[in-house]
Amino acid sequence: MKATIYHNPRCSKSREALALLQEVGADVTIVEYLKNPPSRSELVRLYDRAGMTPRQGLRMAEDGAKAVKHGDAEAILDAMMIDPLLIERPLVETDKGVRLGRPIAWLHEIL
């Protein structure tokens, strides 16, 4: 199975998700999204595949989220393009779909 993880190595949940993917033998592509942020269209595609809205993908723990948390999807995506820290992680994609790994158990749906 191939998997792509949008990963922040400093995040414990992201590290747990990567460990799970490796444990199940996935061929993992790691995208350190803070160094190589996904494009706006890629984020839209990922959220669509996950059945999520950009608001659900907004990392509310970040200070920058406060300014856009009540905004529409376009405003949230704009903010994510400016500051990729606002993208909640880890996002994992396989042939079976996309899931946000919070909680990690949600990843089992696409493994």
PDB file of N, CA and C in Angstrom:
ATOM      1  N   MET A   1       0.838  -1.172   0.000  1.00  0.00           N
ATOM      2  CA  MET A   1       0.000   0.000   0.000  1.00  0.00           C
ATOM      3  C   MET A   1       0.889   1.243   0.000  1.00  0.00           C
ATOM      4  N   LYS A   2       0.511   2.213  -0.827  1.00  0.00           N
ATOM      5  CA  LYS A   2       1.197   3.497  -0.855  1.00  0.00           C
ATOM      6  C   LYS A   2       0.439   4.474   0.039  1.00  0.00           C
ATOM      7  N   ALA A   3       1.194   5.326   0.721  1.00  0.00           N
ATOM      8  CA  ALA A   3       0.589   6.342   1.585  1.00  0.00           C
ATOM      9  C   ALA A   3       1.434   7.609   1.507  1.00  0.00           C
ATOM     10  N   THR A   4       0.755   8.735   1.596  1.00  0.00           N
ATOM     11  CA  THR A   4       1.422  10.027   1.692  1.00  0.00           C
ATOM     12  C   THR A   4       1.004  10.654   3.003  1.00  0.00           C
ATOM     13  N   ILE A   5       1.975  11.121   3.760  1.00  0.00           N
ATOM     14  CA  ILE A   5       1.689  11.788   5.025  1.00  0.00           C
ATOM     15  C   ILE A   5       2.195  13.224   4.935  1.00  0.00           C
ATOM     16  N   TYR A   6       1.316  14.151   5.262  1.00  0.00           N
ATOM     17  CA  TYR A   6       1.682  15.560   5.392  1.00  0.00           C
ATOM     18  C   TYR A   6       2.092  15.710   6.844  1.00  0.00           C
ATOM     19  N   HIS A   7       3.391  15.826   7.052  1.00  0.00           N
ATOM     20  CA  HIS A   7       4.040  15.514   8.312  1.00  0.00           C
ATOM     21  C   HIS A   7       4.797  16.704   8.882  1.00  0.00           C
ATOM     22  N   ASN A   8       4.732  16.826  10.199  1.00  0.00           N
ATOM     23  CA  ASN A   8       5.574  17.754  10.941  1.00  0.00           C
ATOM     24  C   ASN A   8       6.348  16.903  11.944  1.00  0.00           C
ATOM     25  N   PRO A   9       7.649  16.711  11.743  1.00  0.00           N
ATOM     26  CA  PRO A   9       8.410  15.822  12.619  1.00  0.00           C
ATOM     27  C   PRO A   9       8.454  16.279  14.075  1.00  0.00           C
ATOM     28  N   ARG A  10       8.110  17.523  14.349  1.00  0.00           N
ATOM     29  CA  ARG A  10       8.094  18.014  15.731  1.00  0.00           C
ATOM     30  C   ARG A  10       6.783  17.696  16.450  1.00  0.00           C
ATOM     31  N   CYS A  11       5.797  17.171  15.725  1.00  0.00           N
ATOM     32  CA  CYS A  11       4.472  16.890  16.279  1.00  0.00           C
ATOM     33  C   CYS A  11       4.372  15.417  16.682  1.00  0.00           C
ATOM     34  N   SER A  12       3.997  15.164  17.926  1.00  0.00           N
ATOM     35  CA  SER A  12       3.908  13.784  18.410  1.00  0.00           C
ATOM     36  C   SER A  12       2.839  12.988  17.654  1.00  0.00           C
ATOM     37  N   LYS A  13       1.707  13.602  17.334  1.00  0.00           N
ATOM     38  CA  LYS A  13       0.659  12.881  16.591  1.00  0.00           C
ATOM     39  C   LYS A  13       1.135  12.536  15.185  1.00  0.00           C
ATOM     40  N   SER A  14       1.876  13.434  14.599  1.00  0.00           N
ATOM     41  CA  SER A  14       2.403  13.186  13.272  1.00  0.00           C
ATOM     42  C   SER A  14       3.422  12.044  13.310  1.00  0.00           C
ATOM     43  N   ARG A  15       4.269  12.049  14.320  1.00  0.00           N
ATOM     44  CA  ARG A  15       5.240  10.953  14.466  1.00  0.00           C
ATOM     45  C   ARG A  15       4.521   9.627  14.717  1.00  0.00           C
ATOM     46  N   GLU A  16       3.457   9.637  15.517  1.00  0.00           N
ATOM     47  CA  GLU A  16       2.676   8.415  15.763  1.00  0.00           C
ATOM     48  C   GLU A  16       2.056   7.898  14.467  1.00  0.00           C
ATOM     49  N   ALA A  17       1.531   8.808  13.664  1.00  0.00           N
ATOM     50  CA  ALA A  17       0.915   8.410  12.398  1.00  0.00           C
ATOM     51  C   ALA A  17       1.955   7.799  11.468  1.00  0.00           C
ATOM     52  N   LEU A  18       3.122   8.399  11.390  1.00  0.00           N
ATOM     53  CA  LEU A  18       4.191   7.860  10.550  1.00  0.00           C
ATOM     54  C   LEU A  18       4.605   6.477  11.044  1.00  0.00           C
ATOM     55  N   ALA A  19       4.726   6.310  12.355  1.00  0.00           N
ATOM     56  CA  ALA A  19       5.089   5.003  12.919  1.00  0.00           C
ATOM     57  C   ALA A  19       4.039   3.952  12.566  1.00  0.00           C
ATOM     58  N   LEU A  20       2.759   4.319  12.630  1.00  0.00           N
ATOM     59  CA  LEU A  20       1.692   3.382  12.276  1.00  0.00           C
ATOM     60  C   LEU A  20       1.804   2.968  10.817  1.00  0.00           C
ATOM     61  N   LEU A  21       2.031   3.929   9.943  1.00  0.00           N
ATOM     62  CA  LEU A  21       2.165   3.612   8.520  1.00  0.00           C
ATOM     63  C   LEU A  21       3.343   2.677   8.277  1.00  0.00           C
ATOM     64  N   GLN A  22       4.443   2.924   8.944  1.00  0.00           N
ATOM     65  CA  GLN A  22       5.614   2.058   8.794  1.00  0.00           C
ATOM     66  C   GLN A  22       5.348   0.678   9.374  1.00  0.00           C
ATOM     67  N   GLU A  23       4.620   0.640  10.488  1.00  0.00           N
ATOM     68  CA  GLU A  23       4.285  -0.632  11.148  1.00  0.00           C
ATOM     69  C   GLU A  23       3.469  -1.545  10.238  1.00  0.00           C
ATOM     70  N   VAL A  24       2.547  -0.955   9.471  1.00  0.00           N
ATOM     71  CA  VAL A  24       1.706  -1.769   8.593  1.00  0.00           C
ATOM     72  C   VAL A  24       2.369  -2.026   7.243  1.00  0.00           C
ATOM     73  N   GLY A  25       3.609  -1.556   7.078  1.00  0.00           N
ATOM     74  CA  GLY A  25       4.361  -1.845   5.866  1.00  0.00           C
ATOM     75  C   GLY A  25       4.033  -0.961   4.680  1.00  0.00           C
ATOM     76  N   ALA A  26       3.457   0.203   4.925  1.00  0.00           N
ATOM     77  CA  ALA A  26       3.119   1.106   3.824  1.00  0.00           C
ATOM     78  C   ALA A  26       4.386   1.664   3.178  1.00  0.00           C
ATOM     79  N   ASP A  27       4.296   1.879   1.888  1.00  0.00           N
ATOM     80  CA  ASP A  27       5.323   2.581   1.138  1.00  0.00           C
ATOM     81  C   ASP A  27       4.993   4.068   1.298  1.00  0.00           C
ATOM     82  N   VAL A  28       5.695   4.747   2.206  1.00  0.00           N
ATOM     83  CA  VAL A  28       5.303   6.080   2.650  1.00  0.00           C
ATOM     84  C   VAL A  28       6.098   7.175   1.947  1.00  0.00           C
ATOM     85  N   THR A  29       5.371   8.134   1.416  1.00  0.00           N
ATOM     86  CA  THR A  29       5.957   9.385   0.941  1.00  0.00           C
ATOM     87  C   THR A  29       5.709  10.411   2.029  1.00  0.00           C
ATOM     88  N   ILE A  30       6.784  11.011   2.509  1.00  0.00           N
ATOM     89  CA  ILE A  30       6.679  11.992   3.582  1.00  0.00           C
ATOM     90  C   ILE A  30       6.802  13.393   2.994  1.00  0.00           C
ATOM     91  N   VAL A  31       5.774  14.201   3.236  1.00  0.00           N
ATOM     92  CA  VAL A  31       5.794  15.595   2.813  1.00  0.00           C
ATOM     93  C   VAL A  31       5.878  16.446   4.079  1.00  0.00           C
ATOM     94  N   GLU A  32       7.033  17.046   4.293  1.00  0.00           N
ATOM     95  CA  GLU A  32       7.166  17.965   5.425  1.00  0.00           C
ATOM     96  C   GLU A  32       6.524  19.274   4.985  1.00  0.00           C
ATOM     97  N   TYR A  33       5.239  19.410   5.317  1.00  0.00           N
ATOM     98  CA  TYR A  33       4.426  20.470   4.739  1.00  0.00           C
ATOM     99  C   TYR A  33       4.834  21.877   5.186  1.00  0.00           C
ATOM    100  N   LEU A  34       5.618  21.995   6.256  1.00  0.00           N
ATOM    101  CA  LEU A  34       6.100  23.323   6.632  1.00  0.00           C
ATOM    102  C   LEU A  34       7.230  23.770   5.704  1.00  0.00           C
ATOM    103  N   LYS A  35       7.985  22.806   5.173  1.00  0.00           N
ATOM    104  CA  LYS A  35       9.058  23.109   4.224  1.00  0.00           C
ATOM    105  C   LYS A  35       8.532  23.149   2.788  1.00  0.00           C
ATOM    106  N   ASN A  36       7.565  22.282   2.491  1.00  0.00           N
ATOM    107  CA  ASN A  36       6.987  22.155   1.145  1.00  0.00           C
ATOM    108  C   ASN A  36       5.467  22.149   1.257  1.00  0.00           C
ATOM    109  N   PRO A  37       4.861  23.312   1.488  1.00  0.00           N
ATOM    110  CA  PRO A  37       3.412  23.352   1.689  1.00  0.00           C
ATOM    111  C   PRO A  37       2.650  22.892   0.449  1.00  0.00           C
ATOM    112  N   PRO A  38       1.528  22.225   0.674  1.00  0.00           N
ATOM    113  CA  PRO A  38       0.691  21.853  -0.468  1.00  0.00           C
ATOM    114  C   PRO A  38       0.090  23.111  -1.091  1.00  0.00           C
ATOM    115  N   SER A  39      -0.187  23.035  -2.362  1.00  0.00           N
ATOM    116  CA  SER A  39      -0.844  24.159  -3.037  1.00  0.00           C
ATOM    117  C   SER A  39      -2.284  24.266  -2.542  1.00  0.00           C
ATOM    118  N   ARG A  40      -2.884  25.376  -2.828  1.00  0.00           N
ATOM    119  CA  ARG A  40      -4.291  25.578  -2.471  1.00  0.00           C
ATOM    120  C   ARG A  40      -5.161  24.482  -3.100  1.00  0.00           C
ATOM    121  N   SER A  41      -4.933  24.210  -4.388  1.00  0.00           N
ATOM    122  CA  SER A  41      -5.757  23.195  -5.071  1.00  0.00           C
ATOM    123  C   SER A  41      -5.517  21.809  -4.472  1.00  0.00           C
ATOM    124  N   GLU A  42      -4.291  21.533  -4.042  1.00  0.00           N
ATOM    125  CA  GLU A  42      -4.000  20.247  -3.405  1.00  0.00           C
ATOM    126  C   GLU A  42      -4.725  20.136  -2.065  1.00  0.00           C
ATOM    127  N   LEU A  43      -4.720  21.208  -1.292  1.00  0.00           N
ATOM    128  CA  LEU A  43      -5.452  21.191  -0.014  1.00  0.00           C
ATOM    129  C   LEU A  43      -6.937  20.977  -0.245  1.00  0.00           C
ATOM    130  N   VAL A  44      -7.495  21.668  -1.213  1.00  0.00           N
ATOM    131  CA  VAL A  44      -8.921  21.502  -1.529  1.00  0.00           C
ATOM    132  C   VAL A  44      -9.200  20.050  -1.904  1.00  0.00           C
ATOM    133  N   ARG A  45      -8.330  19.481  -2.736  1.00  0.00           N
ATOM    134  CA  ARG A  45      -8.509  18.071  -3.150  1.00  0.00           C
ATOM    135  C   ARG A  45      -8.433  17.135  -1.954  1.00  0.00           C
ATOM    136  N   LEU A  46      -7.455  17.344  -1.077  1.00  0.00           N
ATOM    137  CA  LEU A  46      -7.309  16.490   0.104  1.00  0.00           C
ATOM    138  C   LEU A  46      -8.531  16.593   1.015  1.00  0.00           C
ATOM    139  N   TYR A  47      -8.969  17.812   1.293  1.00  0.00           N
ATOM    140  CA  TYR A  47     -10.134  17.987   2.156  1.00  0.00           C
ATOM    141  C   TYR A  47     -11.385  17.398   1.522  1.00  0.00           C
ATOM    142  N   ASP A  48     -11.548  17.559   0.213  1.00  0.00           N
ATOM    143  CA  ASP A  48     -12.698  16.953  -0.470  1.00  0.00           C
ATOM    144  C   ASP A  48     -12.669  15.437  -0.318  1.00  0.00           C
ATOM    145  N   ARG A  49     -11.509  14.833  -0.541  1.00  0.00           N
ATOM    146  CA  ARG A  49     -11.378  13.372  -0.418  1.00  0.00           C
ATOM    147  C   ARG A  49     -11.631  12.902   0.997  1.00  0.00           C
ATOM    148  N   ALA A  50     -11.285  13.747   1.972  1.00  0.00           N
ATOM    149  CA  ALA A  50     -11.477  13.391   3.382  1.00  0.00           C
ATOM    150  C   ALA A  50     -12.902  13.661   3.851  1.00  0.00           C
ATOM    151  N   GLY A  51     -13.687  14.381   3.038  1.00  0.00           N
ATOM    152  CA  GLY A  51     -15.026  14.762   3.474  1.00  0.00           C
ATOM    153  C   GLY A  51     -14.977  15.834   4.555  1.00  0.00           C
ATOM    154  N   MET A  52     -13.956  16.674   4.487  1.00  0.00           N
ATOM    155  CA  MET A  52     -13.744  17.728   5.479  1.00  0.00           C
ATOM    156  C   MET A  52     -13.907  19.095   4.832  1.00  0.00           C
ATOM    157  N   THR A  53     -14.137  20.079   5.686  1.00  0.00           N
ATOM    158  CA  THR A  53     -14.104  21.465   5.249  1.00  0.00           C
ATOM    159  C   THR A  53     -12.741  22.048   5.634  1.00  0.00           C
ATOM    160  N   PRO A  54     -12.344  23.133   4.999  1.00  0.00           N
ATOM    161  CA  PRO A  54     -11.112  23.786   5.441  1.00  0.00           C
ATOM    162  C   PRO A  54     -11.164  24.165   6.929  1.00  0.00           C
ATOM    163  N   ARG A  55     -12.306  24.550   7.422  1.00  0.00           N
ATOM    164  CA  ARG A  55     -12.416  24.882   8.851  1.00  0.00           C
ATOM    165  C   ARG A  55     -12.057  23.672   9.720  1.00  0.00           C
ATOM    166  N   GLN A  56     -12.472  22.484   9.307  1.00  0.00           N
ATOM    167  CA  GLN A  56     -12.135  21.279  10.062  1.00  0.00           C
ATOM    168  C   GLN A  56     -10.647  20.965   9.967  1.00  0.00           C
ATOM    169  N   GLY A  57      -9.992  21.487   8.944  1.00  0.00           N
ATOM    170  CA  GLY A  57      -8.555  21.275   8.771  1.00  0.00           C
ATOM    171  C   GLY A  57      -7.713  22.402   9.346  1.00  0.00           C
ATOM    172  N   LEU A  58      -8.362  23.354  10.018  1.00  0.00           N
ATOM    173  CA  LEU A  58      -7.660  24.498  10.594  1.00  0.00           C
ATOM    174  C   LEU A  58      -7.111  24.136  11.967  1.00  0.00           C
ATOM    175  N   ARG A  59      -5.846  24.361  12.151  1.00  0.00           N
ATOM    176  CA  ARG A  59      -5.192  24.068  13.428  1.00  0.00           C
ATOM    177  C   ARG A  59      -5.492  25.207  14.396  1.00  0.00           C
ATOM    178  N   MET A  60      -6.527  25.007  15.205  1.00  0.00           N
ATOM    179  CA  MET A  60      -7.032  26.043  16.093  1.00  0.00           C
ATOM    180  C   MET A  60      -6.054  26.429  17.191  1.00  0.00           C
ATOM    181  N   ALA A  61      -5.083  25.589  17.488  1.00  0.00           N
ATOM    182  CA  ALA A  61      -4.119  25.873  18.553  1.00  0.00           C
ATOM    183  C   ALA A  61      -3.136  26.985  18.169  1.00  0.00           C
ATOM    184  N   GLU A  62      -3.086  27.331  16.903  1.00  0.00           N
ATOM    185  CA  GLU A  62      -2.153  28.359  16.444  1.00  0.00           C
ATOM    186  C   GLU A  62      -2.778  29.746  16.556  1.00  0.00           C
ATOM    187  N   ASP A  63      -1.972  30.709  16.949  1.00  0.00           N
ATOM    188  CA  ASP A  63      -2.459  32.086  17.111  1.00  0.00           C
ATOM    189  C   ASP A  63      -3.115  32.617  15.840  1.00  0.00           C
ATOM    190  N   GLY A  64      -2.553  32.306  14.698  1.00  0.00           N
ATOM    191  CA  GLY A  64      -3.093  32.801  13.434  1.00  0.00           C
ATOM    192  C   GLY A  64      -4.487  32.307  13.118  1.00  0.00           C
ATOM    193  N   ALA A  65      -4.913  31.239  13.755  1.00  0.00           N
ATOM    194  CA  ALA A  65      -6.248  30.690  13.494  1.00  0.00           C
ATOM    195  C   ALA A  65      -7.352  31.579  14.059  1.00  0.00           C
ATOM    196  N   LYS A  66      -7.047  32.303  15.089  1.00  0.00           N
ATOM    197  CA  LYS A  66      -8.064  33.153  15.734  1.00  0.00           C
ATOM    198  C   LYS A  66      -8.672  34.153  14.760  1.00  0.00           C
ATOM    199  N   ALA A  67      -7.846  34.704  13.890  1.00  0.00           N
ATOM    200  CA  ALA A  67      -8.304  35.727  12.955  1.00  0.00           C
ATOM    201  C   ALA A  67      -9.236  35.177  11.877  1.00  0.00           C
ATOM    202  N   VAL A  68      -9.140  33.887  11.570  1.00  0.00           N
ATOM    203  CA  VAL A  68      -9.929  33.327  10.467  1.00  0.00           C
ATOM    204  C   VAL A  68     -10.909  32.245  10.883  1.00  0.00           C
ATOM    205  N   LYS A  69     -10.954  31.905  12.166  1.00  0.00           N
ATOM    206  CA  LYS A  69     -11.780  30.757  12.569  1.00  0.00           C
ATOM    207  C   LYS A  69     -13.262  30.935  12.247  1.00  0.00           C
ATOM    208  N   HIS A  70     -13.721  32.167  12.107  1.00  0.00           N
ATOM    209  CA  HIS A  70     -15.117  32.406  11.749  1.00  0.00           C
ATOM    210  C   HIS A  70     -15.275  32.793  10.282  1.00  0.00           C
ATOM    211  N   GLY A  71     -14.159  32.758   9.551  1.00  0.00           N
ATOM    212  CA  GLY A  71     -14.194  33.114   8.137  1.00  0.00           C
ATOM    213  C   GLY A  71     -14.744  31.976   7.287  1.00  0.00           C
ATOM    214  N   ASP A  72     -14.958  32.279   6.021  1.00  0.00           N
ATOM    215  CA  ASP A  72     -15.430  31.249   5.103  1.00  0.00           C
ATOM    216  C   ASP A  72     -14.250  30.388   4.649  1.00  0.00           C
ATOM    217  N   ALA A  73     -14.555  29.379   3.873  1.00  0.00           N
ATOM    218  CA  ALA A  73     -13.528  28.432   3.425  1.00  0.00           C
ATOM    219  C   ALA A  73     -12.413  29.140   2.666  1.00  0.00           C
ATOM    220  N   GLU A  74     -12.770  30.129   1.855  1.00  0.00           N
ATOM    221  CA  GLU A  74     -11.760  30.836   1.065  1.00  0.00           C
ATOM    222  C   GLU A  74     -10.789  31.595   1.966  1.00  0.00           C
ATOM    223  N   ALA A  75     -11.304  32.251   3.001  1.00  0.00           N
ATOM    224  CA  ALA A  75     -10.447  32.996   3.925  1.00  0.00           C
ATOM    225  C   ALA A  75      -9.524  32.052   4.688  1.00  0.00           C
ATOM    226  N   ILE A  76     -10.052  30.906   5.072  1.00  0.00           N
ATOM    227  CA  ILE A  76      -9.239  29.925   5.799  1.00  0.00           C
ATOM    228  C   ILE A  76      -8.137  29.385   4.898  1.00  0.00           C
ATOM    229  N   LEU A  77      -8.471  29.038   3.666  1.00  0.00           N
ATOM    230  CA  LEU A  77      -7.461  28.550   2.723  1.00  0.00           C
ATOM    231  C   LEU A  77      -6.410  29.617   2.441  1.00  0.00           C
ATOM    232  N   ASP A  78      -6.845  30.879   2.304  1.00  0.00           N
ATOM    233  CA  ASP A  78      -5.890  31.971   2.100  1.00  0.00           C
ATOM    234  C   ASP A  78      -4.892  32.017   3.257  1.00  0.00           C
ATOM    235  N   ALA A  79      -5.417  31.918   4.479  1.00  0.00           N
ATOM    236  CA  ALA A  79      -4.555  31.969   5.671  1.00  0.00           C
ATOM    237  C   ALA A  79      -3.592  30.789   5.700  1.00  0.00           C
ATOM    238  N   MET A  80      -4.059  29.605   5.298  1.00  0.00           N
ATOM    239  CA  MET A  80      -3.204  28.426   5.267  1.00  0.00           C
ATOM    240  C   MET A  80      -2.088  28.571   4.242  1.00  0.00           C
ATOM    241  N   MET A  81      -2.363  29.263   3.137  1.00  0.00           N
ATOM    242  CA  MET A  81      -1.334  29.472   2.118  1.00  0.00           C
ATOM    243  C   MET A  81      -0.258  30.429   2.639  1.00  0.00           C
ATOM    244  N   ILE A  82      -0.669  31.385   3.448  1.00  0.00           N
ATOM    245  CA  ILE A  82       0.283  32.343   4.019  1.00  0.00           C
ATOM    246  C   ILE A  82       1.078  31.698   5.156  1.00  0.00           C
ATOM    247  N   ASP A  83       0.384  30.910   5.983  1.00  0.00           N
ATOM    248  CA  ASP A  83       1.017  30.300   7.159  1.00  0.00           C
ATOM    249  C   ASP A  83       0.640  28.827   7.252  1.00  0.00           C
ATOM    250  N   PRO A  84       1.471  27.924   6.697  1.00  0.00           N
ATOM    251  CA  PRO A  84       1.135  26.499   6.695  1.00  0.00           C
ATOM    252  C   PRO A  84       1.021  25.879   8.093  1.00  0.00           C
ATOM    253  N   LEU A  85       1.501  26.583   9.132  1.00  0.00           N
ATOM    254  CA  LEU A  85       1.288  26.079  10.497  1.00  0.00           C
ATOM    255  C   LEU A  85      -0.200  25.944  10.816  1.00  0.00           C
ATOM    256  N   LEU A  86      -1.032  26.651  10.061  1.00  0.00           N
ATOM    257  CA  LEU A  86      -2.474  26.606  10.302  1.00  0.00           C
ATOM    258  C   LEU A  86      -3.125  25.332   9.770  1.00  0.00           C
ATOM    259  N   ILE A  87      -2.360  24.516   9.043  1.00  0.00           N
ATOM    260  CA  ILE A  87      -2.887  23.251   8.516  1.00  0.00           C
ATOM    261  C   ILE A  87      -2.771  22.201   9.619  1.00  0.00           C
ATOM    262  N   GLU A  88      -3.908  21.653  10.026  1.00  0.00           N
ATOM    263  CA  GLU A  88      -3.906  20.607  11.059  1.00  0.00           C
ATOM    264  C   GLU A  88      -3.220  19.377  10.502  1.00  0.00           C
ATOM    265  N   ARG A  89      -2.497  18.704  11.353  1.00  0.00           N
ATOM    266  CA  ARG A  89      -1.739  17.524  10.941  1.00  0.00           C
ATOM    267  C   ARG A  89      -1.968  16.381  11.906  1.00  0.00           C
ATOM    268  N   PRO A  90      -1.615  15.213  11.462  1.00  0.00           N
ATOM    269  CA  PRO A  90      -1.136  14.807  10.146  1.00  0.00           C
ATOM    270  C   PRO A  90      -2.299  14.475   9.217  1.00  0.00           C
ATOM    271  N   LEU A  91      -2.164  14.820   7.978  1.00  0.00           N
ATOM    272  CA  LEU A  91      -3.088  14.380   6.937  1.00  0.00           C
ATOM    273  C   LEU A  91      -2.429  13.194   6.249  1.00  0.00           C
ATOM    274  N   VAL A  92      -3.187  12.124   6.063  1.00  0.00           N
ATOM    275  CA  VAL A  92      -2.654  10.916   5.433  1.00  0.00           C
ATOM    276  C   VAL A  92      -3.564  10.539   4.278  1.00  0.00           C
ATOM    277  N   GLU A  93      -2.956  10.233   3.140  1.00  0.00           N
ATOM    278  CA  GLU A  93      -3.702   9.810   1.959  1.00  0.00           C
ATOM    279  C   GLU A  93      -3.235   8.434   1.518  1.00  0.00           C
ATOM    280  N   THR A  94      -4.197   7.551   1.246  1.00  0.00           N
ATOM    281  CA  THR A  94      -3.937   6.258   0.620  1.00  0.00           C
ATOM    282  C   THR A  94      -4.941   6.110  -0.521  1.00  0.00           C
ATOM    283  N   ASP A  95      -4.896   4.974  -1.217  1.00  0.00           N
ATOM    284  CA  ASP A  95      -5.871   4.722  -2.273  1.00  0.00           C
ATOM    285  C   ASP A  95      -7.298   4.677  -1.724  1.00  0.00           C
ATOM    286  N   LYS A  96      -7.431   4.407  -0.428  1.00  0.00           N
ATOM    287  CA  LYS A  96      -8.752   4.291   0.191  1.00  0.00           C
ATOM    288  C   LYS A  96      -9.327   5.616   0.666  1.00  0.00           C
ATOM    289  N   GLY A  97      -8.520   6.681   0.641  1.00  0.00           N
ATOM    290  CA  GLY A  97      -9.043   7.974   1.039  1.00  0.00           C
ATOM    291  C   GLY A  97      -8.022   8.804   1.784  1.00  0.00           C
ATOM    292  N   VAL A  98      -8.525   9.867   2.402  1.00  0.00           N
ATOM    293  CA  VAL A  98      -7.710  10.790   3.178  1.00  0.00           C
ATOM    294  C   VAL A  98      -8.327  10.918   4.556  1.00  0.00           C
ATOM    295  N   ARG A  99      -7.485  10.918   5.569  1.00  0.00           N
ATOM    296  CA  ARG A  99      -7.957  11.115   6.943  1.00  0.00           C
ATOM    297  C   ARG A  99      -6.985  12.026   7.664  1.00  0.00           C
ATOM    298  N   LEU A 100      -7.534  12.794   8.577  1.00  0.00           N
ATOM    299  CA  LEU A 100      -6.746  13.547   9.526  1.00  0.00           C
ATOM    300  C   LEU A 100      -6.444  12.597  10.666  1.00  0.00           C
ATOM    301  N   GLY A 101      -5.199  12.486  11.059  1.00  0.00           N
ATOM    302  CA  GLY A 101      -4.800  11.520  12.086  1.00  0.00           C
ATOM    303  C   GLY A 101      -4.976  12.032  13.502  1.00  0.00           C
ATOM    304  N   ARG A 102      -6.083  12.643  13.795  1.00  0.00           N
ATOM    305  CA  ARG A 102      -6.419  13.114  15.142  1.00  0.00           C
ATOM    306  C   ARG A 102      -7.845  12.717  15.424  1.00  0.00           C
ATOM    307  N   PRO A 103      -8.064  11.616  16.074  1.00  0.00           N
ATOM    308  CA  PRO A 103      -7.118  10.693  16.687  1.00  0.00           C
ATOM    309  C   PRO A 103      -6.499   9.749  15.647  1.00  0.00           C
ATOM    310  N   ILE A 104      -5.397   9.164  16.027  1.00  0.00           N
ATOM    311  CA  ILE A 104      -4.663   8.258  15.144  1.00  0.00           C
ATOM    312  C   ILE A 104      -5.547   7.106  14.669  1.00  0.00           C
ATOM    313  N   ALA A 105      -6.464   6.672  15.505  1.00  0.00           N
ATOM    314  CA  ALA A 105      -7.351   5.546  15.147  1.00  0.00           C
ATOM    315  C   ALA A 105      -8.107   5.804  13.852  1.00  0.00           C
ATOM    316  N   TRP A 106      -8.363   7.057  13.502  1.00  0.00           N
ATOM    317  CA  TRP A 106      -9.070   7.356  12.253  1.00  0.00           C
ATOM    318  C   TRP A 106      -8.302   6.880  11.029  1.00  0.00           C
ATOM    319  N   LEU A 107      -6.990   6.734  11.164  1.00  0.00           N
ATOM    320  CA  LEU A 107      -6.198   6.295  10.030  1.00  0.00           C
ATOM    321  C   LEU A 107      -6.490   4.858   9.637  1.00  0.00           C
ATOM    322  N   HIS A 108      -6.964   4.045  10.581  1.00  0.00           N
ATOM    323  CA  HIS A 108      -7.255   2.645  10.275  1.00  0.00           C
ATOM    324  C   HIS A 108      -8.326   2.527   9.185  1.00  0.00           C
ATOM    325  N   GLU A 109      -9.175   3.547   9.044  1.00  0.00           N
ATOM    326  CA  GLU A 109     -10.222   3.530   8.015  1.00  0.00           C
ATOM    327  C   GLU A 109      -9.663   3.511   6.595  1.00  0.00           C
ATOM    328  N   ILE A 110      -8.426   3.984   6.423  1.00  0.00           N
ATOM    329  CA  ILE A 110      -7.860   4.059   5.076  1.00  0.00           C
ATOM    330  C   ILE A 110      -6.647   3.160   4.876  1.00  0.00           C
ATOM    331  N   LEU A 111      -6.375   2.307   5.855  1.00  0.00           N
ATOM    332  CA  LEU A 111      -5.214   1.399   5.735  1.00  0.00           C
ATOM    333  C   LEU A 111      -5.644   0.082   5.122  1.00  0.00           C
TER     334      LEU A 111
END
